[in-house]
Amino acid sequence: MSAQHVKLVGPLIRGVDADLADAVISAVEADNPDAEVVVEDQGGYIRINVADRCRLTRASMQEALGQATFDLSRLEPALSGFAGRMHTTDEEIVWYLERQD
């Protein structure tokens, strides 16, 4: 019997802005309460992953940053890559393996 391989998805954030990276980690943890969030800090970048599906909302980013408003497009300069597929709206970003529509 072999161990099942878990496929992880999520953002790869440049480590330049530590406050933003910490906020993304906190927001991903809040938006995926039943999942284990795997954080790999490689110095120059931080990989944040969840098995199969990773959700990040505008509301959780606002909460993590202590700001009344946050536009998810502000993440683009810090998002150097990601694992899985990505779907974005004004309210959330979802990384996933397989389409569910």
C-alpha atoms as a PDB file:
ATOM      1  CA  MET A   1       0.000   0.000   0.000  1.00  0.00           C
ATOM      2  CA  SER A   2       1.419   3.423  -0.917  1.00  0.00           C
ATOM      3  CA  ALA A   3       0.766   6.793   0.697  1.00  0.00           C
ATOM      4  CA  GLN A   4      -1.570   9.061  -1.225  1.00  0.00           C
ATOM      5  CA  HIS A   5       0.208  12.070  -2.758  1.00  0.00           C
ATOM      6  CA  VAL A   6      -1.403  15.331  -1.621  1.00  0.00           C
ATOM      7  CA  LYS A   7      -1.396  18.074  -4.235  1.00  0.00           C
ATOM      8  CA  LEU A   8      -1.009  21.571  -2.832  1.00  0.00           C
ATOM      9  CA  VAL A   9      -2.236  24.826  -4.364  1.00  0.00           C
ATOM     10  CA  GLY A  10      -1.806  28.479  -3.426  1.00  0.00           C
ATOM     11  CA  PRO A  11       0.216  31.644  -3.886  1.00  0.00           C
ATOM     12  CA  LEU A  12       3.942  32.276  -4.049  1.00  0.00           C
ATOM     13  CA  ILE A  13       4.564  35.698  -2.491  1.00  0.00           C
ATOM     14  CA  ARG A  14       7.758  37.717  -2.813  1.00  0.00           C
ATOM     15  CA  GLY A  15       9.228  38.146   0.672  1.00  0.00           C
ATOM     16  CA  VAL A  16      10.050  41.842   0.203  1.00  0.00           C
ATOM     17  CA  ASP A  17       6.987  43.174   2.086  1.00  0.00           C
ATOM     18  CA  ALA A  18       6.868  41.121   5.295  1.00  0.00           C
ATOM     19  CA  ASP A  19       3.625  42.780   6.471  1.00  0.00           C
ATOM     20  CA  LEU A  20       1.838  41.852   3.250  1.00  0.00           C
ATOM     21  CA  ALA A  21       3.188  38.296   3.325  1.00  0.00           C
ATOM     22  CA  ASP A  22       2.114  37.883   6.973  1.00  0.00           C
ATOM     23  CA  ALA A  23      -1.342  39.240   6.092  1.00  0.00           C
ATOM     24  CA  VAL A  24      -1.719  36.749   3.233  1.00  0.00           C
ATOM     25  CA  ILE A  25      -0.767  33.892   5.570  1.00  0.00           C
ATOM     26  CA  SER A  26      -3.285  35.048   8.212  1.00  0.00           C
ATOM     27  CA  ALA A  27      -5.998  35.574   5.604  1.00  0.00           C
ATOM     28  CA  VAL A  28      -5.466  32.147   4.011  1.00  0.00           C
ATOM     29  CA  GLU A  29      -5.652  30.552   7.468  1.00  0.00           C
ATOM     30  CA  ALA A  30      -8.914  32.420   8.186  1.00  0.00           C
ATOM     31  CA  ASP A  31     -10.442  31.590   4.800  1.00  0.00           C
ATOM     32  CA  ASN A  32      -9.533  27.884   4.955  1.00  0.00           C
ATOM     33  CA  PRO A  33     -10.402  27.001   8.576  1.00  0.00           C
ATOM     34  CA  ASP A  34     -10.716  23.247   8.028  1.00  0.00           C
ATOM     35  CA  ALA A  35      -7.480  22.898   6.072  1.00  0.00           C
ATOM     36  CA  GLU A  36      -3.826  22.695   7.017  1.00  0.00           C
ATOM     37  CA  VAL A  37      -1.997  25.732   5.657  1.00  0.00           C
ATOM     38  CA  VAL A  38       1.590  24.914   4.681  1.00  0.00           C
ATOM     39  CA  VAL A  39       3.991  27.880   4.764  1.00  0.00           C
ATOM     40  CA  GLU A  40       7.506  27.604   3.345  1.00  0.00           C
ATOM     41  CA  ASP A  41       9.626  30.714   3.910  1.00  0.00           C
ATOM     42  CA  GLN A  42      12.506  30.617   1.441  1.00  0.00           C
ATOM     43  CA  GLY A  43      13.795  34.105   2.272  1.00  0.00           C
ATOM     44  CA  GLY A  44      13.196  35.720  -1.103  1.00  0.00           C
ATOM     45  CA  TYR A  45       9.722  34.249  -1.407  1.00  0.00           C
ATOM     46  CA  ILE A  46       7.065  32.565   0.706  1.00  0.00           C
ATOM     47  CA  ARG A  47       5.039  29.632  -0.578  1.00  0.00           C
ATOM     48  CA  ILE A  48       1.559  29.369   1.014  1.00  0.00           C
ATOM     49  CA  ASN A  49      -0.301  26.166   0.176  1.00  0.00           C
ATOM     50  CA  VAL A  50      -3.450  24.241   1.018  1.00  0.00           C
ATOM     51  CA  ALA A  51      -4.407  20.793  -0.245  1.00  0.00           C
ATOM     52  CA  ASP A  52      -6.671  20.864  -3.343  1.00  0.00           C
ATOM     53  CA  ARG A  53      -8.298  24.310  -2.851  1.00  0.00           C
ATOM     54  CA  CYS A  54      -7.005  27.575  -1.350  1.00  0.00           C
ATOM     55  CA  ARG A  55      -9.281  30.586  -0.864  1.00  0.00           C
ATOM     56  CA  LEU A  56      -8.224  34.187  -0.086  1.00  0.00           C
ATOM     57  CA  THR A  57     -10.874  36.886   0.369  1.00  0.00           C
ATOM     58  CA  ARG A  58     -10.725  40.644   0.280  1.00  0.00           C
ATOM     59  CA  ALA A  59     -12.483  40.773   3.660  1.00  0.00           C
ATOM     60  CA  SER A  60      -9.878  38.567   5.342  1.00  0.00           C
ATOM     61  CA  MET A  61      -7.042  40.663   3.869  1.00  0.00           C
ATOM     62  CA  GLN A  62      -8.688  43.829   5.196  1.00  0.00           C
ATOM     63  CA  GLU A  63      -8.953  42.188   8.621  1.00  0.00           C
ATOM     64  CA  ALA A  64      -5.344  40.933   8.582  1.00  0.00           C
ATOM     65  CA  LEU A  65      -3.984  44.324   7.513  1.00  0.00           C
ATOM     66  CA  GLY A  66      -6.296  46.327   9.789  1.00  0.00           C
ATOM     67  CA  GLN A  67      -7.531  48.356   6.825  1.00  0.00           C
ATOM     68  CA  ALA A  68     -11.052  49.439   5.982  1.00  0.00           C
ATOM     69  CA  THR A  69     -10.501  48.571   2.329  1.00  0.00           C
ATOM     70  CA  PHE A  70      -8.108  46.433   0.315  1.00  0.00           C
ATOM     71  CA  ASP A  71      -8.145  45.822  -3.423  1.00  0.00           C
ATOM     72  CA  LEU A  72      -6.996  42.277  -4.225  1.00  0.00           C
ATOM     73  CA  SER A  73      -5.246  43.573  -7.347  1.00  0.00           C
ATOM     74  CA  ARG A  74      -2.680  45.105  -4.950  1.00  0.00           C
ATOM     75  CA  LEU A  75      -1.335  41.561  -4.506  1.00  0.00           C
ATOM     76  CA  GLU A  76      -0.257  41.298  -8.158  1.00  0.00           C
ATOM     77  CA  PRO A  77       3.220  42.873  -7.739  1.00  0.00           C
ATOM     78  CA  ALA A  78       3.961  40.543  -4.796  1.00  0.00           C
ATOM     79  CA  LEU A  79       2.502  37.424  -6.437  1.00  0.00           C
ATOM     80  CA  SER A  80       5.487  35.921  -8.211  1.00  0.00           C
ATOM     81  CA  GLY A  81       3.711  32.662  -8.992  1.00  0.00           C
ATOM     82  CA  PHE A  82       1.239  30.097  -7.753  1.00  0.00           C
ATOM     83  CA  ALA A  83       0.509  26.384  -7.691  1.00  0.00           C
ATOM     84  CA  GLY A  84      -2.660  25.096  -9.355  1.00  0.00           C
ATOM     85  CA  ARG A  85      -5.160  27.101 -11.344  1.00  0.00           C
ATOM     86  CA  MET A  86      -6.347  30.540 -10.240  1.00  0.00           C
ATOM     87  CA  HIS A  87      -9.765  32.204 -10.401  1.00  0.00           C
ATOM     88  CA  THR A  88     -10.127  35.837  -9.344  1.00  0.00           C
ATOM     89  CA  THR A  89     -13.024  38.174  -8.632  1.00  0.00           C
ATOM     90  CA  ASP A  90     -13.154  41.511  -6.826  1.00  0.00           C
ATOM     91  CA  GLU A  91     -14.007  39.643  -3.614  1.00  0.00           C
ATOM     92  CA  GLU A  92     -11.753  36.562  -3.664  1.00  0.00           C
ATOM     93  CA  ILE A  93      -8.950  34.601  -5.240  1.00  0.00           C
ATOM     94  CA  VAL A  94      -9.252  30.821  -5.372  1.00  0.00           C
ATOM     95  CA  TRP A  95      -6.452  28.449  -6.324  1.00  0.00           C
ATOM     96  CA  TYR A  96      -7.623  24.932  -7.215  1.00  0.00           C
ATOM     97  CA  LEU A  97      -6.676  21.753  -9.039  1.00  0.00           C
ATOM     98  CA  GLU A  98      -9.774  20.882 -11.043  1.00  0.00           C
ATOM     99  CA  ARG A  99     -12.614  23.063 -12.287  1.00  0.00           C
ATOM    100  CA  GLN A 100     -15.859  22.456 -10.473  1.00  0.00           C
ATOM    101  CA  ASP A 101     -18.376  23.993 -12.916  1.00  0.00           C
END
